[in-house]
């Protein structure tokens, strides 16, 4: 989480100091542990669990989709965290389906239909 925070601060041209790195790292850790606790069903938030690893990947995806709201107020940050939480949850649910052996006989047909409906 610390390395990811440094990457994001650098990418956005934000100051990189102990305070900013700690605050952004804490935000990322909060996101991963909150979604992990809700998905695990047992409140576990062990960062070594496989789910935590998948959620860190989901967080990276969220950062690619919606940049962090640097320069905006706390309301914008709360909205970003809420949206990222929803996206990470959706990603983790689909990933769990994949790990649980979800099988689609004709995946290309499924994605064509899913994208055409959107």
Protein backbone atom coordinates (compact mmCIF):
# COMPACT_ATOMS: atom_id res chain seq x y z
CA UNK A 1 0.00 0.00 0.00
CA UNK A 2 2.88 2.35 0.73
CA UNK A 3 4.48 1.79 -2.66
CA UNK A 4 1.14 2.27 -4.40
CA UNK A 5 0.60 5.52 -2.49
CA UNK A 6 4.02 6.79 -3.59
CA UNK A 7 3.25 5.84 -7.21
CA UNK A 8 -0.08 7.66 -7.15
CA UNK A 9 1.30 10.76 -5.46
CA UNK A 10 4.12 10.91 -8.00
CA UNK A 11 1.77 10.35 -10.95
CA UNK A 12 -0.46 13.21 -9.78
CA UNK A 13 2.44 15.59 -9.08
CA UNK A 14 1.56 15.73 -5.40
CA UNK A 15 4.05 16.26 -2.58
CA UNK A 16 5.64 13.06 -1.35
CA UNK A 17 6.37 13.30 2.32
CA UNK A 18 5.71 11.14 5.34
CA UNK A 19 2.32 12.77 5.99
CA UNK A 20 0.94 12.45 2.46
CA UNK A 21 2.30 8.93 1.97
CA UNK A 22 0.89 7.78 5.33
CA UNK A 23 -2.52 9.32 4.67
CA UNK A 24 -2.89 7.80 1.21
CA UNK A 25 -1.53 4.43 2.37
CA UNK A 26 -4.07 4.44 5.19
CA UNK A 27 -6.85 5.21 2.71
CA UNK A 28 -5.82 2.29 0.49
CA UNK A 29 -5.44 -0.06 3.47
CA UNK A 30 -8.88 0.97 4.74
CA UNK A 31 -10.42 0.20 1.35
CA UNK A 32 -8.83 -3.24 1.06
CA UNK A 33 -9.56 -4.27 4.65
CA UNK A 34 -13.15 -2.99 4.57
CA UNK A 35 -14.02 -4.84 1.36
CA UNK A 36 -12.12 -7.91 2.55
CA UNK A 37 -14.04 -7.99 5.83
CA UNK A 38 -17.37 -7.67 4.03
CA UNK A 39 -16.52 -10.37 1.49
CA UNK A 40 -14.88 -12.85 3.84
CA UNK A 41 -18.01 -13.04 5.95
CA UNK A 42 -15.98 -13.57 9.08
CA UNK A 43 -14.58 -10.09 9.53
CA UNK A 44 -11.05 -11.29 8.77
CA UNK A 45 -8.69 -8.73 7.31
CA UNK A 46 -5.39 -10.59 7.20
CA UNK A 47 -3.26 -8.86 4.54
CA UNK A 48 -1.64 -12.23 3.72
CA UNK A 49 -4.97 -13.79 2.66
CA UNK A 50 -5.44 -14.45 -1.03
CA UNK A 51 -8.48 -12.21 -1.04
CA UNK A 52 -6.38 -9.27 0.15
CA UNK A 53 -4.01 -9.87 -2.76
CA UNK A 54 -6.89 -9.89 -5.24
CA UNK A 55 -8.34 -6.75 -3.67
CA UNK A 56 -5.04 -4.90 -3.99
CA UNK A 57 -5.19 -5.74 -7.69
CA UNK A 58 -8.78 -4.51 -7.79
CA UNK A 59 -7.65 -1.27 -6.16
CA UNK A 60 -5.08 -0.78 -8.92
CA UNK A 61 -7.87 -1.24 -11.46
CA UNK A 62 -9.99 1.36 -9.66
CA UNK A 63 -7.10 3.82 -9.77
CA UNK A 64 -6.82 3.34 -13.53
CA UNK A 65 -10.56 3.87 -14.03
CA UNK A 66 -11.05 6.83 -11.70
CA UNK A 67 -8.09 9.00 -10.72
CA UNK A 68 -7.79 10.15 -7.14
CA UNK A 69 -9.48 13.50 -6.40
CA UNK A 70 -6.36 15.45 -5.42
CA UNK A 71 -7.12 19.11 -4.81
CA UNK A 72 -10.76 18.42 -3.97
CA UNK A 73 -12.54 18.45 -0.63
CA UNK A 74 -13.27 15.63 1.81
CA UNK A 75 -16.68 15.02 0.21
CA UNK A 76 -15.00 14.21 -3.10
CA UNK A 77 -12.61 11.82 -1.34
CA UNK A 78 -15.50 10.12 0.46
CA UNK A 79 -17.28 9.70 -2.88
CA UNK A 80 -14.15 8.27 -4.49
CA UNK A 81 -13.68 5.78 -1.64
CA UNK A 82 -17.35 4.72 -1.81
CA UNK A 83 -17.16 4.18 -5.58
CA UNK A 84 -13.86 2.32 -5.32
CA UNK A 85 -15.35 0.10 -2.61
CA UNK A 86 -18.27 -0.79 -4.88
CA UNK A 87 -15.96 -1.53 -7.80
CA UNK A 88 -13.60 -3.60 -5.67
CA UNK A 89 -16.54 -5.57 -4.30
CA UNK A 90 -17.85 -6.27 -7.80
CA UNK A 91 -14.40 -7.32 -9.00
CA UNK A 92 -13.90 -9.62 -6.01
CA UNK A 93 -17.30 -11.26 -6.50
CA UNK A 94 -16.58 -12.04 -10.14
CA UNK A 95 -13.08 -13.26 -9.22
CA UNK A 96 -14.61 -15.56 -6.59
CA UNK A 97 -16.94 -16.94 -9.26
CA UNK A 98 -13.91 -17.69 -11.43
CA UNK A 99 -12.12 -19.43 -8.56
CA UNK A 100 -15.28 -21.37 -7.70
CA UNK A 101 -15.26 -22.89 -11.16
CA UNK A 102 -17.82 -20.76 -12.98
CA UNK A 103 -17.86 -22.17 -16.44
CA UNK A 104 -19.26 -20.55 -19.52
CA UNK A 105 -19.36 -22.82 -22.53
CA UNK A 106 -19.11 -20.01 -25.05
CA UNK A 107 -17.46 -17.04 -23.31
CA UNK A 108 -17.20 -14.98 -26.51
CA UNK A 109 -20.94 -15.26 -26.98
CA UNK A 110 -21.49 -14.19 -23.37
CA UNK A 111 -19.30 -11.10 -23.62
CA UNK A 112 -20.83 -10.11 -26.95
CA UNK A 113 -24.30 -10.29 -25.42
CA UNK A 114 -23.25 -8.52 -22.21
CA UNK A 115 -21.61 -5.62 -24.06
CA UNK A 116 -24.43 -5.29 -26.58
CA UNK A 117 -26.94 -4.95 -23.74
CA UNK A 118 -24.96 -2.12 -22.12
